[in-house]
Amino acid sequence: MFGWDAAFIVFLYWTENLVIGFYNILKITLLKSEHPAGHLGKLLAIPFSSLHFGGFCAVHGFFLLTFFKIGGGPGEIFSEQSWPGHLIFLQMLFSVIKTL
């Protein structure tokens, strides 16, 4: 339909995930709390959500690059020095975005 191929539709779905993730982090940031513990919870929830949802988007983007051979392939994602620990998922996410 409209001359779109499967790669473009999956890429569009992937970018929609990024928008939804950003919107949810914005909602967490703007959430009002009457107790100081609520603000501490927000400070913990934002990095937790960013790492886990960023990991999902990074792996999904990696498969998108691999299966549809978009943006030079997956070799460019791992060409840089790896970030420590779970931050590798955010590195993958930034690399996938940069590759596209």
PDB file of N, CA and C in Angstrom:
ATOM      1  N   MET A   1       0.846  -1.173   0.000  1.00  0.00           N
ATOM      2  CA  MET A   1       0.000   0.000   0.000  1.00  0.00           C
ATOM      3  C   MET A   1       0.899   1.248   0.000  1.00  0.00           C
ATOM      4  N   PHE A   2       0.584   2.221  -0.795  1.00  0.00           N
ATOM      5  CA  PHE A   2       1.326   3.477  -0.939  1.00  0.00           C
ATOM      6  C   PHE A   2       2.763   3.258  -1.403  1.00  0.00           C
ATOM      7  N   GLY A   3       3.088   2.068  -1.881  1.00  0.00           N
ATOM      8  CA  GLY A   3       4.432   1.781  -2.338  1.00  0.00           C
ATOM      9  C   GLY A   3       5.448   1.589  -1.222  1.00  0.00           C
ATOM     10  N   TRP A   4       4.974   1.372   0.018  1.00  0.00           N
ATOM     11  CA  TRP A   4       5.871   1.179   1.149  1.00  0.00           C
ATOM     12  C   TRP A   4       6.324  -0.276   1.186  1.00  0.00           C
ATOM     13  N   ASP A   5       7.595  -0.493   1.478  1.00  0.00           N
ATOM     14  CA  ASP A   5       8.066  -1.855   1.640  1.00  0.00           C
ATOM     15  C   ASP A   5       8.039  -2.230   3.122  1.00  0.00           C
ATOM     16  N   ALA A   6       8.271  -3.503   3.416  1.00  0.00           N
ATOM     17  CA  ALA A   6       8.197  -3.994   4.795  1.00  0.00           C
ATOM     18  C   ALA A   6       9.250  -3.330   5.680  1.00  0.00           C
ATOM     19  N   ALA A   7      10.440  -3.068   5.136  1.00  0.00           N
ATOM     20  CA  ALA A   7      11.499  -2.439   5.930  1.00  0.00           C
ATOM     21  C   ALA A   7      11.078  -1.060   6.417  1.00  0.00           C
ATOM     22  N   PHE A   8      10.425  -0.281   5.568  1.00  0.00           N
ATOM     23  CA  PHE A   8       9.993   1.062   5.969  1.00  0.00           C
ATOM     24  C   PHE A   8       8.924   0.988   7.048  1.00  0.00           C
ATOM     25  N   ILE A   9       8.003   0.045   6.925  1.00  0.00           N
ATOM     26  CA  ILE A   9       6.927  -0.077   7.916  1.00  0.00           C
ATOM     27  C   ILE A   9       7.492  -0.487   9.275  1.00  0.00           C
ATOM     28  N   VAL A  10       8.438  -1.432   9.292  1.00  0.00           N
ATOM     29  CA  VAL A  10       9.043  -1.850  10.551  1.00  0.00           C
ATOM     30  C   VAL A  10       9.885  -0.712  11.136  1.00  0.00           C
ATOM     31  N   PHE A  11      10.593   0.022  10.280  1.00  0.00           N
ATOM     32  CA  PHE A  11      11.362   1.178  10.753  1.00  0.00           C
ATOM     33  C   PHE A  11      10.428   2.227  11.365  1.00  0.00           C
ATOM     34  N   LEU A  12       9.282   2.456  10.745  1.00  0.00           N
ATOM     35  CA  LEU A  12       8.303   3.407  11.273  1.00  0.00           C
ATOM     36  C   LEU A  12       7.795   2.952  12.638  1.00  0.00           C
ATOM     37  N   TYR A  13       7.552   1.661  12.779  1.00  0.00           N
ATOM     38  CA  TYR A  13       7.141   1.107  14.065  1.00  0.00           C
ATOM     39  C   TYR A  13       8.239   1.313  15.107  1.00  0.00           C
ATOM     40  N   TRP A  14       9.507   1.118  14.704  1.00  0.00           N
ATOM     41  CA  TRP A  14      10.614   1.273  15.631  1.00  0.00           C
ATOM     42  C   TRP A  14      10.719   2.722  16.121  1.00  0.00           C
ATOM     43  N   THR A  15      10.570   3.691  15.216  1.00  0.00           N
ATOM     44  CA  THR A  15      10.645   5.095  15.633  1.00  0.00           C
ATOM     45  C   THR A  15       9.463   5.462  16.527  1.00  0.00           C
ATOM     46  N   GLU A  16       8.323   4.820  16.304  1.00  0.00           N
ATOM     47  CA  GLU A  16       7.170   5.045  17.180  1.00  0.00           C
ATOM     48  C   GLU A  16       7.494   4.592  18.599  1.00  0.00           C
ATOM     49  N   ASN A  17       8.232   3.496  18.744  1.00  0.00           N
ATOM     50  CA  ASN A  17       8.656   3.041  20.068  1.00  0.00           C
ATOM     51  C   ASN A  17       9.506   4.086  20.767  1.00  0.00           C
ATOM     52  N   LEU A  18      10.392   4.756  20.022  1.00  0.00           N
ATOM     53  CA  LEU A  18      11.225   5.804  20.625  1.00  0.00           C
ATOM     54  C   LEU A  18      10.381   6.961  21.135  1.00  0.00           C
ATOM     55  N   VAL A  19       9.384   7.356  20.360  1.00  0.00           N
ATOM     56  CA  VAL A  19       8.503   8.455  20.762  1.00  0.00           C
ATOM     57  C   VAL A  19       7.723   8.069  22.020  1.00  0.00           C
ATOM     58  N   ILE A  20       7.207   6.846  22.054  1.00  0.00           N
ATOM     59  CA  ILE A  20       6.435   6.387  23.214  1.00  0.00           C
ATOM     60  C   ILE A  20       7.326   6.322  24.455  1.00  0.00           C
ATOM     61  N   GLY A  21       8.558   5.843  24.315  1.00  0.00           N
ATOM     62  CA  GLY A  21       9.485   5.790  25.443  1.00  0.00           C
ATOM     63  C   GLY A  21       9.802   7.174  25.977  1.00  0.00           C
ATOM     64  N   PHE A  22      10.049   8.131  25.075  1.00  0.00           N
ATOM     65  CA  PHE A  22      10.320   9.507  25.502  1.00  0.00           C
ATOM     66  C   PHE A  22       9.104  10.100  26.207  1.00  0.00           C
ATOM     67  N   TYR A  23       7.912   9.841  25.673  1.00  0.00           N
ATOM     68  CA  TYR A  23       6.686  10.362  26.272  1.00  0.00           C
ATOM     69  C   TYR A  23       6.480   9.794  27.679  1.00  0.00           C
ATOM     70  N   ASN A  24       6.749   8.517  27.873  1.00  0.00           N
ATOM     71  CA  ASN A  24       6.579   7.915  29.196  1.00  0.00           C
ATOM     72  C   ASN A  24       7.582   8.458  30.203  1.00  0.00           C
ATOM     73  N   ILE A  25       8.810   8.713  29.781  1.00  0.00           N
ATOM     74  CA  ILE A  25       9.784   9.323  30.685  1.00  0.00           C
ATOM     75  C   ILE A  25       9.360  10.740  31.037  1.00  0.00           C
ATOM     76  N   LEU A  26       8.813  11.452  30.071  1.00  0.00           N
ATOM     77  CA  LEU A  26       8.289  12.795  30.343  1.00  0.00           C
ATOM     78  C   LEU A  26       7.136  12.740  31.342  1.00  0.00           C
ATOM     79  N   LYS A  27       6.253  11.744  31.211  1.00  0.00           N
ATOM     80  CA  LYS A  27       5.150  11.589  32.159  1.00  0.00           C
ATOM     81  C   LYS A  27       5.664  11.295  33.562  1.00  0.00           C
ATOM     82  N   ILE A  28       6.677  10.455  33.672  1.00  0.00           N
ATOM     83  CA  ILE A  28       7.246  10.160  34.994  1.00  0.00           C
ATOM     84  C   ILE A  28       7.851  11.419  35.591  1.00  0.00           C
ATOM     85  N   THR A  29       8.532  12.212  34.767  1.00  0.00           N
ATOM     86  CA  THR A  29       9.177  13.438  35.250  1.00  0.00           C
ATOM     87  C   THR A  29       8.148  14.443  35.766  1.00  0.00           C
ATOM     88  N   LEU A  30       7.031  14.563  35.080  1.00  0.00           N
ATOM     89  CA  LEU A  30       6.021  15.558  35.441  1.00  0.00           C
ATOM     90  C   LEU A  30       5.024  15.076  36.489  1.00  0.00           C
ATOM     91  N   LEU A  31       5.155  13.822  36.921  1.00  0.00           N
ATOM     92  CA  LEU A  31       4.258  13.274  37.920  1.00  0.00           C
ATOM     93  C   LEU A  31       4.417  14.029  39.237  1.00  0.00           C
ATOM     94  N   LYS A  32       3.297  14.479  39.811  1.00  0.00           N
ATOM     95  CA  LYS A  32       3.343  15.228  41.064  1.00  0.00           C
ATOM     96  C   LYS A  32       3.319  14.269  42.237  1.00  0.00           C
ATOM     97  N   SER A  33       4.096  14.609  43.265  1.00  0.00           N
ATOM     98  CA  SER A  33       4.164  13.790  44.464  1.00  0.00           C
ATOM     99  C   SER A  33       4.199  14.701  45.679  1.00  0.00           C
ATOM    100  N   GLU A  34       3.431  14.314  46.703  1.00  0.00           N
ATOM    101  CA  GLU A  34       3.398  15.111  47.922  1.00  0.00           C
ATOM    102  C   GLU A  34       4.468  14.678  48.916  1.00  0.00           C
ATOM    103  N   HIS A  35       4.996  13.483  48.740  1.00  0.00           N
ATOM    104  CA  HIS A  35       5.987  12.953  49.673  1.00  0.00           C
ATOM    105  C   HIS A  35       7.374  12.971  49.036  1.00  0.00           C
ATOM    106  N   PRO A  36       8.409  13.239  49.831  1.00  0.00           N
ATOM    107  CA  PRO A  36       9.777  13.213  49.294  1.00  0.00           C
ATOM    108  C   PRO A  36      10.165  11.844  48.732  1.00  0.00           C
ATOM    109  N   ALA A  37       9.588  10.776  49.278  1.00  0.00           N
ATOM    110  CA  ALA A  37       9.900   9.437  48.772  1.00  0.00           C
ATOM    111  C   ALA A  37       9.412   9.276  47.333  1.00  0.00           C
ATOM    112  N   GLY A  38       8.371   9.999  46.974  1.00  0.00           N
ATOM    113  CA  GLY A  38       7.877   9.953  45.605  1.00  0.00           C
ATOM    114  C   GLY A  38       8.881  10.514  44.617  1.00  0.00           C
ATOM    115  N   HIS A  39       9.581  11.568  45.015  1.00  0.00           N
ATOM    116  CA  HIS A  39      10.612  12.152  44.152  1.00  0.00           C
ATOM    117  C   HIS A  39      11.806  11.205  44.024  1.00  0.00           C
ATOM    118  N   LEU A  40      12.143  10.517  45.121  1.00  0.00           N
ATOM    119  CA  LEU A  40      13.211   9.525  45.063  1.00  0.00           C
ATOM    120  C   LEU A  40      12.817   8.382  44.126  1.00  0.00           C
ATOM    121  N   GLY A  41      11.559   7.994  44.194  1.00  0.00           N
ATOM    122  CA  GLY A  41      11.073   6.947  43.297  1.00  0.00           C
ATOM    123  C   GLY A  41      11.183   7.353  41.836  1.00  0.00           C
ATOM    124  N   LYS A  42      10.895   8.624  41.552  1.00  0.00           N
ATOM    125  CA  LYS A  42      11.038   9.114  40.176  1.00  0.00           C
ATOM    126  C   LYS A  42      12.499   9.086  39.744  1.00  0.00           C
ATOM    127  N   LEU A  43      13.397   9.470  40.660  1.00  0.00           N
ATOM    128  CA  LEU A  43      14.831   9.463  40.324  1.00  0.00           C
ATOM    129  C   LEU A  43      15.346   8.051  40.037  1.00  0.00           C
ATOM    130  N   LEU A  44      14.709   7.053  40.617  1.00  0.00           N
ATOM    131  CA  LEU A  44      15.095   5.673  40.348  1.00  0.00           C
ATOM    132  C   LEU A  44      14.362   5.105  39.128  1.00  0.00           C
ATOM    133  N   ALA A  45      13.122   5.518  38.925  1.00  0.00           N
ATOM    134  CA  ALA A  45      12.309   4.970  37.833  1.00  0.00           C
ATOM    135  C   ALA A  45      12.780   5.452  36.461  1.00  0.00           C
ATOM    136  N   ILE A  46      13.239   6.678  36.371  1.00  0.00           N
ATOM    137  CA  ILE A  46      13.648   7.216  35.069  1.00  0.00           C
ATOM    138  C   ILE A  46      14.864   6.476  34.508  1.00  0.00           C
ATOM    139  N   PRO A  47      15.965   6.311  35.260  1.00  0.00           N
ATOM    140  CA  PRO A  47      17.080   5.537  34.691  1.00  0.00           C
ATOM    141  C   PRO A  47      16.724   4.067  34.450  1.00  0.00           C
ATOM    142  N   PHE A  48      15.933   3.488  35.355  1.00  0.00           N
ATOM    143  CA  PHE A  48      15.518   2.100  35.186  1.00  0.00           C
ATOM    144  C   PHE A  48      14.729   1.933  33.891  1.00  0.00           C
ATOM    145  N   SER A  49      13.774   2.812  33.664  1.00  0.00           N
ATOM    146  CA  SER A  49      12.965   2.745  32.441  1.00  0.00           C
ATOM    147  C   SER A  49      13.821   3.001  31.205  1.00  0.00           C
ATOM    148  N   SER A  50      14.721   3.956  31.307  1.00  0.00           N
ATOM    149  CA  SER A  50      15.582   4.279  30.164  1.00  0.00           C
ATOM    150  C   SER A  50      16.454   3.096  29.777  1.00  0.00           C
ATOM    151  N   LEU A  51      17.036   2.432  30.762  1.00  0.00           N
ATOM    152  CA  LEU A  51      17.894   1.293  30.465  1.00  0.00           C
ATOM    153  C   LEU A  51      17.117   0.116  29.885  1.00  0.00           C
ATOM    154  N   HIS A  52      15.998  -0.216  30.485  1.00  0.00           N
ATOM    155  CA  HIS A  52      15.265  -1.380  30.018  1.00  0.00           C
ATOM    156  C   HIS A  52      14.547  -1.128  28.696  1.00  0.00           C
ATOM    157  N   PHE A  53      13.899  -0.012  28.563  1.00  0.00           N
ATOM    158  CA  PHE A  53      13.232   0.276  27.296  1.00  0.00           C
ATOM    159  C   PHE A  53      14.265   0.593  26.217  1.00  0.00           C
ATOM    160  N   GLY A  54      15.363   1.246  26.605  1.00  0.00           N
ATOM    161  CA  GLY A  54      16.442   1.495  25.654  1.00  0.00           C
ATOM    162  C   GLY A  54      17.046   0.196  25.157  1.00  0.00           C
ATOM    163  N   GLY A  55      17.176  -0.789  26.049  1.00  0.00           N
ATOM    164  CA  GLY A  55      17.661  -2.104  25.644  1.00  0.00           C
ATOM    165  C   GLY A  55      16.735  -2.769  24.658  1.00  0.00           C
ATOM    166  N   PHE A  56      15.431  -2.694  24.914  1.00  0.00           N
ATOM    167  CA  PHE A  56      14.455  -3.251  23.980  1.00  0.00           C
ATOM    168  C   PHE A  56      14.579  -2.586  22.618  1.00  0.00           C
ATOM    169  N   CYS A  57      14.633  -1.264  22.605  1.00  0.00           N
ATOM    170  CA  CYS A  57      14.726  -0.539  21.330  1.00  0.00           C
ATOM    171  C   CYS A  57      16.051  -0.817  20.626  1.00  0.00           C
ATOM    172  N   ALA A  58      17.132  -0.971  21.387  1.00  0.00           N
ATOM    173  CA  ALA A  58      18.436  -1.250  20.781  1.00  0.00           C
ATOM    174  C   ALA A  58      18.439  -2.610  20.104  1.00  0.00           C
ATOM    175  N   VAL A  59      17.942  -3.626  20.789  1.00  0.00           N
ATOM    176  CA  VAL A  59      17.913  -4.966  20.202  1.00  0.00           C
ATOM    177  C   VAL A  59      16.956  -5.001  19.021  1.00  0.00           C
ATOM    178  N   HIS A  60      15.817  -4.360  19.146  1.00  0.00           N
ATOM    179  CA  HIS A  60      14.863  -4.295  18.044  1.00  0.00           C
ATOM    180  C   HIS A  60      15.482  -3.571  16.849  1.00  0.00           C
ATOM    181  N   GLY A  61      16.187  -2.483  17.094  1.00  0.00           N
ATOM    182  CA  GLY A  61      16.867  -1.757  16.015  1.00  0.00           C
ATOM    183  C   GLY A  61      17.988  -2.566  15.400  1.00  0.00           C
ATOM    184  N   PHE A  62      18.718  -3.336  16.230  1.00  0.00           N
ATOM    185  CA  PHE A  62      19.777  -4.202  15.720  1.00  0.00           C
ATOM    186  C   PHE A  62      19.194  -5.232  14.757  1.00  0.00           C
ATOM    187  N   PHE A  63      18.075  -5.851  15.130  1.00  0.00           N
ATOM    188  CA  PHE A  63      17.438  -6.820  14.238  1.00  0.00           C
ATOM    189  C   PHE A  63      16.912  -6.146  12.977  1.00  0.00           C
ATOM    190  N   LEU A  64      16.426  -4.951  13.112  1.00  0.00           N
ATOM    191  CA  LEU A  64      15.959  -4.201  11.942  1.00  0.00           C
ATOM    192  C   LEU A  64      17.103  -3.965  10.963  1.00  0.00           C
ATOM    193  N   LEU A  65      18.250  -3.551  11.476  1.00  0.00           N
ATOM    194  CA  LEU A  65      19.418  -3.342  10.617  1.00  0.00           C
ATOM    195  C   LEU A  65      19.884  -4.646   9.982  1.00  0.00           C
ATOM    196  N   THR A  66      19.850  -5.723  10.763  1.00  0.00           N
ATOM    197  CA  THR A  66      20.347  -7.005  10.284  1.00  0.00           C
ATOM    198  C   THR A  66      19.430  -7.613   9.236  1.00  0.00           C
ATOM    199  N   PHE A  67      18.147  -7.694   9.533  1.00  0.00           N
ATOM    200  CA  PHE A  67      17.227  -8.380   8.634  1.00  0.00           C
ATOM    201  C   PHE A  67      16.968  -7.621   7.345  1.00  0.00           C
ATOM    202  N   PHE A  68      16.906  -6.303   7.429  1.00  0.00           N
ATOM    203  CA  PHE A  68      16.575  -5.511   6.250  1.00  0.00           C
ATOM    204  C   PHE A  68      17.782  -4.820   5.626  1.00  0.00           C
ATOM    205  N   LYS A  69      18.970  -5.011   6.242  1.00  0.00           N
ATOM    206  CA  LYS A  69      20.211  -4.422   5.721  1.00  0.00           C
ATOM    207  C   LYS A  69      20.060  -2.910   5.495  1.00  0.00           C
ATOM    208  N   ILE A  70      19.633  -2.232   6.548  1.00  0.00           N
ATOM    209  CA  ILE A  70      19.421  -0.786   6.500  1.00  0.00           C
ATOM    210  C   ILE A  70      20.632  -0.098   7.127  1.00  0.00           C
ATOM    211  N   GLY A  71      21.071   1.005   6.569  1.00  0.00           N
ATOM    212  CA  GLY A  71      22.083   1.864   7.180  1.00  0.00           C
ATOM    213  C   GLY A  71      23.457   1.260   7.335  1.00  0.00           C
ATOM    214  N   GLY A  72      23.878   0.429   6.434  1.00  0.00           N
ATOM    215  CA  GLY A  72      25.233  -0.102   6.493  1.00  0.00           C
ATOM    216  C   GLY A  72      25.375  -1.371   7.299  1.00  0.00           C
ATOM    217  N   GLY A  73      24.317  -1.892   7.866  1.00  0.00           N
ATOM    218  CA  GLY A  73      24.383  -3.156   8.581  1.00  0.00           C
ATOM    219  C   GLY A  73      24.792  -3.008  10.027  1.00  0.00           C
ATOM    220  N   PRO A  74      24.789  -4.126  10.743  1.00  0.00           N
ATOM    221  CA  PRO A  74      25.050  -4.097  12.181  1.00  0.00           C
ATOM    222  C   PRO A  74      26.508  -3.943  12.558  1.00  0.00           C
ATOM    223  N   GLY A  75      27.439  -4.054  11.631  1.00  0.00           N
ATOM    224  CA  GLY A  75      28.855  -3.960  11.964  1.00  0.00           C
ATOM    225  C   GLY A  75      29.244  -2.626  12.544  1.00  0.00           C
ATOM    226  N   GLU A  76      28.542  -1.571  12.191  1.00  0.00           N
ATOM    227  CA  GLU A  76      28.869  -0.234  12.686  1.00  0.00           C
ATOM    228  C   GLU A  76      28.454  -0.037  14.139  1.00  0.00           C
ATOM    229  N   ILE A  77      27.558  -0.864  14.628  1.00  0.00           N
ATOM    230  CA  ILE A  77      27.084  -0.714  15.999  1.00  0.00           C
ATOM    231  C   ILE A  77      28.174  -1.096  16.992  1.00  0.00           C
ATOM    232  N   PHE A  78      28.916  -2.153  16.695  1.00  0.00           N
ATOM    233  CA  PHE A  78      29.900  -2.670  17.630  1.00  0.00           C
ATOM    234  C   PHE A  78      31.317  -2.231  17.297  1.00  0.00           C
ATOM    235  N   SER A  79      31.484  -1.237  16.426  1.00  0.00           N
ATOM    236  CA  SER A  79      32.825  -0.809  16.048  1.00  0.00           C
ATOM    237  C   SER A  79      33.476   0.070  17.124  1.00  0.00           C
ATOM    238  N   GLU A  80      32.689   0.680  17.993  1.00  0.00           N
ATOM    239  CA  GLU A  80      33.220   1.553  19.040  1.00  0.00           C
ATOM    240  C   GLU A  80      33.560   0.741  20.289  1.00  0.00           C
ATOM    241  N   GLN A  81      34.264   1.374  21.227  1.00  0.00           N
ATOM    242  CA  GLN A  81      34.547   0.725  22.503  1.00  0.00           C
ATOM    243  C   GLN A  81      33.243   0.594  23.285  1.00  0.00           C
ATOM    244  N   SER A  82      33.034  -0.550  23.925  1.00  0.00           N
ATOM    245  CA  SER A  82      31.795  -0.812  24.640  1.00  0.00           C
ATOM    246  C   SER A  82      31.688   0.011  25.912  1.00  0.00           C
ATOM    247  N   TRP A  83      30.460   0.417  26.233  1.00  0.00           N
ATOM    248  CA  TRP A  83      30.194   1.119  27.473  1.00  0.00           C
ATOM    249  C   TRP A  83      30.125   0.090  28.599  1.00  0.00           C
ATOM    250  N   PRO A  84      30.324   0.500  29.849  1.00  0.00           N
ATOM    251  CA  PRO A  84      30.343  -0.465  30.950  1.00  0.00           C
ATOM    252  C   PRO A  84      28.949  -0.973  31.317  1.00  0.00           C
ATOM    253  N   GLY A  85      28.884  -2.227  31.710  1.00  0.00           N
ATOM    254  CA  GLY A  85      27.673  -2.822  32.259  1.00  0.00           C
ATOM    255  C   GLY A  85      26.463  -2.754  31.355  1.00  0.00           C
ATOM    256  N   HIS A  86      25.334  -2.449  31.979  1.00  0.00           N
ATOM    257  CA  HIS A  86      24.073  -2.388  31.246  1.00  0.00           C
ATOM    258  C   HIS A  86      23.982  -1.184  30.321  1.00  0.00           C
ATOM    259  N   LEU A  87      24.917  -0.260  30.409  1.00  0.00           N
ATOM    260  CA  LEU A  87      24.905   0.904  29.526  1.00  0.00           C
ATOM    261  C   LEU A  87      25.174   0.514  28.071  1.00  0.00           C
ATOM    262  N   ILE A  88      25.590  -0.739  27.849  1.00  0.00           N
ATOM    263  CA  ILE A  88      25.799  -1.211  26.480  1.00  0.00           C
ATOM    264  C   ILE A  88      24.516  -1.103  25.678  1.00  0.00           C
ATOM    265  N   PHE A  89      23.357  -1.264  26.333  1.00  0.00           N
ATOM    266  CA  PHE A  89      22.089  -1.159  25.629  1.00  0.00           C
ATOM    267  C   PHE A  89      21.851   0.267  25.130  1.00  0.00           C
ATOM    268  N   LEU A  90      22.198   1.249  25.955  1.00  0.00           N
ATOM    269  CA  LEU A  90      22.062   2.633  25.507  1.00  0.00           C
ATOM    270  C   LEU A  90      23.054   2.946  24.395  1.00  0.00           C
ATOM    271  N   GLN A  91      24.273   2.380  24.479  1.00  0.00           N
ATOM    272  CA  GLN A  91      25.239   2.567  23.400  1.00  0.00           C
ATOM    273  C   GLN A  91      24.702   1.986  22.099  1.00  0.00           C
ATOM    274  N   MET A  92      24.113   0.786  22.178  1.00  0.00           N
ATOM    275  CA  MET A  92      23.524   0.181  20.978  1.00  0.00           C
ATOM    276  C   MET A  92      22.407   1.052  20.428  1.00  0.00           C
ATOM    277  N   LEU A  93      21.553   1.583  21.317  1.00  0.00           N
ATOM    278  CA  LEU A  93      20.447   2.425  20.870  1.00  0.00           C
ATOM    279  C   LEU A  93      20.968   3.661  20.149  1.00  0.00           C
ATOM    280  N   PHE A  94      21.952   4.350  20.732  1.00  0.00           N
ATOM    281  CA  PHE A  94      22.517   5.541  20.082  1.00  0.00           C
ATOM    282  C   PHE A  94      23.190   5.188  18.766  1.00  0.00           C
ATOM    283  N   SER A  95      23.856   4.031  18.727  1.00  0.00           N
ATOM    284  CA  SER A  95      24.530   3.618  17.485  1.00  0.00           C
ATOM    285  C   SER A  95      23.530   3.279  16.392  1.00  0.00           C
ATOM    286  N   VAL A  96      22.417   2.632  16.754  1.00  0.00           N
ATOM    287  CA  VAL A  96      21.385   2.318  15.768  1.00  0.00           C
ATOM    288  C   VAL A  96      20.783   3.599  15.213  1.00  0.00           C
ATOM    289  N   ILE A  97      20.496   4.554  16.094  1.00  0.00           N
ATOM    290  CA  ILE A  97      19.927   5.834  15.637  1.00  0.00           C
ATOM    291  C   ILE A  97      20.916   6.553  14.728  1.00  0.00           C
ATOM    292  N   LYS A  98      22.204   6.549  15.105  1.00  0.00           N
ATOM    293  CA  LYS A  98      23.225   7.207  14.301  1.00  0.00           C
ATOM    294  C   LYS A  98      23.380   6.532  12.936  1.00  0.00           C
ATOM    295  N   THR A  99      23.245   5.207  12.893  1.00  0.00           N
ATOM    296  CA  THR A  99      23.400   4.448  11.659  1.00  0.00           C
ATOM    297  C   THR A  99      22.270   4.735  10.691  1.00  0.00           C
ATOM    298  N   LEU A 100      21.072   4.937  11.207  1.00  0.00           N
ATOM    299  CA  LEU A 100      19.923   5.194  10.337  1.00  0.00           C
ATOM    300  C   LEU A 100      20.018   6.582   9.782  1.00  0.00           C
TER     301      LEU A 100
END
